Protein backbone atom coordinates (compact mmCIF):
# COMPACT_ATOMS: atom_id res chain seq x y z
CA MET A 1 -20.76 -22.68 136.81
CA ASN A 2 -21.34 -19.97 134.17
CA GLU A 3 -18.30 -21.13 132.20
CA MET A 4 -19.46 -24.75 132.33
CA LEU A 5 -23.06 -23.93 131.33
CA ALA A 6 -21.85 -21.79 128.41
CA THR A 7 -20.02 -24.77 126.89
CA LYS A 8 -23.27 -26.79 126.75
CA ASP A 9 -20.96 -29.76 127.38
CA LEU A 10 -22.71 -32.18 129.75
CA GLN A 11 -19.50 -33.73 131.09
CA LYS A 12 -18.03 -30.31 131.89
CA VAL A 13 -21.24 -29.26 133.66
CA MET A 14 -21.26 -32.49 135.67
CA SER A 15 -17.61 -31.98 136.66
CA VAL A 16 -18.66 -29.37 139.24
CA TYR A 17 -20.88 -31.90 141.04
CA ASP A 18 -19.84 -34.53 143.58
CA ASP A 19 -19.51 -38.09 142.24
CA SER A 20 -21.56 -39.70 145.01
CA ASP A 21 -25.00 -41.18 144.54
CA ASP A 22 -26.52 -39.02 147.29
CA LEU A 23 -26.03 -35.92 145.17
CA MET A 24 -29.19 -33.77 145.02
CA VAL A 25 -30.43 -30.96 142.77
CA VAL A 26 -33.73 -29.21 143.45
CA GLY A 27 -34.76 -26.81 140.70
CA SER A 28 -37.13 -23.89 140.91
CA ASP A 29 -40.07 -25.55 139.14
CA SER A 30 -42.48 -28.09 140.56
CA GLY A 31 -41.27 -31.65 140.13
CA GLU A 32 -37.63 -30.64 139.76
CA VAL A 33 -36.19 -32.86 142.48
CA PHE A 34 -33.31 -35.05 141.38
CA VAL A 35 -31.45 -37.43 143.69
CA GLY A 36 -28.47 -39.47 142.56
CA ARG A 37 -25.85 -38.77 139.93
CA GLU A 38 -27.81 -40.43 137.10
CA ARG A 39 -30.95 -38.35 137.73
CA VAL A 40 -28.96 -35.13 138.16
CA GLN A 41 -27.11 -35.87 134.94
CA ALA A 42 -30.40 -36.44 133.08
CA PHE A 43 -31.67 -33.07 134.36
CA MET A 44 -28.44 -31.30 133.39
CA LYS A 45 -28.63 -32.92 129.94
CA MET A 46 -32.04 -31.30 129.52
CA ILE A 47 -30.67 -27.95 130.75
CA VAL A 48 -27.74 -27.88 128.31
CA SER A 49 -29.95 -28.99 125.40
CA MET A 50 -32.30 -26.01 125.79
CA PRO A 51 -32.17 -23.42 122.99
CA PHE A 52 -30.65 -20.79 125.29
CA VAL A 53 -27.73 -20.52 127.69
CA PHE A 54 -28.24 -20.28 131.44
CA SER A 55 -25.92 -18.05 133.43
CA PHE A 56 -26.05 -16.13 136.68
CA GLU A 57 -25.20 -12.59 137.70
CA LEU A 58 -23.80 -13.51 141.06
CA GLU A 59 -24.22 -11.30 144.08
CA PRO A 60 -22.08 -11.59 147.20
CA ALA A 61 -22.85 -14.90 148.87
CA VAL A 62 -23.04 -15.97 152.48
CA ILE A 63 -20.58 -18.84 152.70
CA ARG A 64 -19.80 -20.83 155.82
CA HIS A 65 -17.73 -23.95 156.21
CA ASP A 66 -16.75 -26.53 158.75
CA GLY A 67 -13.88 -28.70 157.64
CA ASN A 68 -14.70 -30.28 154.28
CA ILE A 69 -18.32 -29.08 154.16
CA ALA A 70 -19.51 -25.63 153.13
CA TRP A 71 -22.94 -24.10 152.70
CA VAL A 72 -23.82 -21.18 150.45
CA VAL A 73 -26.80 -18.83 150.19
CA THR A 74 -27.04 -16.09 147.59
CA ASP A 75 -29.70 -14.00 145.86
CA ASP A 76 -28.70 -13.67 142.22
CA ILE A 77 -30.09 -12.97 138.78
CA MET A 78 -30.64 -15.91 136.43
CA VAL A 79 -29.89 -14.90 132.84
CA LEU A 80 -31.29 -16.75 129.84
CA THR A 81 -29.56 -15.82 126.57
CA SER A 82 -31.22 -17.02 123.38
CA PRO A 83 -29.32 -17.70 120.13
CA ASN A 84 -30.59 -14.40 118.67
CA GLY A 85 -29.11 -12.51 121.62
CA LYS A 86 -32.37 -11.86 123.49
CA ILE A 87 -31.72 -11.78 127.23
CA THR A 88 -34.25 -12.58 129.94
CA LYS A 89 -33.39 -11.95 133.58
CA LEU A 90 -35.13 -13.34 136.66
CA PRO A 91 -34.35 -13.13 140.38
CA TYR A 92 -32.94 -16.46 141.50
CA ARG A 93 -31.92 -17.67 144.95
CA ILE A 94 -29.32 -20.39 145.32
CA THR A 95 -28.68 -22.46 148.42
CA ALA A 96 -26.09 -25.16 148.25
CA VAL A 97 -23.95 -27.58 150.18
CA MET A 98 -20.48 -28.26 148.88
CA VAL A 99 -17.89 -30.87 149.82
CA LYS A 100 -14.14 -30.53 149.51
CA LYS A 101 -12.52 -33.31 147.51
CA ASP A 102 -8.95 -33.84 146.30
CA THR A 103 -9.91 -32.02 143.09
CA GLY A 104 -11.50 -29.04 144.87
CA TRP A 105 -14.98 -28.02 146.05
CA LYS A 106 -17.89 -29.91 144.48
CA TRP A 107 -21.65 -29.27 144.62
CA LYS A 108 -23.30 -31.88 146.84
CA MET A 109 -26.77 -30.33 147.12
CA PHE A 110 -28.10 -27.46 145.02
CA THR A 111 -31.45 -25.75 145.44
CA GLY A 112 -32.65 -22.96 143.19
CA SER A 113 -35.76 -20.87 143.70
CA VAL A 114 -37.42 -17.85 142.14
CA PRO A 115 -38.24 -15.53 145.04
CA ARG A 116 -41.56 -13.75 144.82
CA GLY A 117 -42.33 -10.61 146.81
CA GLU A 118 -41.15 -11.33 150.32
């Protein structure tokens, strides 16, 4: 995902997602619930057009699978890098469901959250 986000190329970013219309992305801010490829693509277009690059410092994930379905949970660091090199880091939790296709594993459902003191 980091490589795709760094390109700021919408089609490359969307290539990691499943093609189906029941695709879902839930962001960490209120109102960020996107169902269907068109809505997810519109959200990703907004993400790649921002004046900074999103990336993640990934920690070891819990990954389980059953056949062609896998689920992932990981507590990471979201990194925002501005054009002048300023870096902002925030804790970021990712939960996801992935499906195995002929072309490899694709994101089917992605949820991101900013954990507060637990």
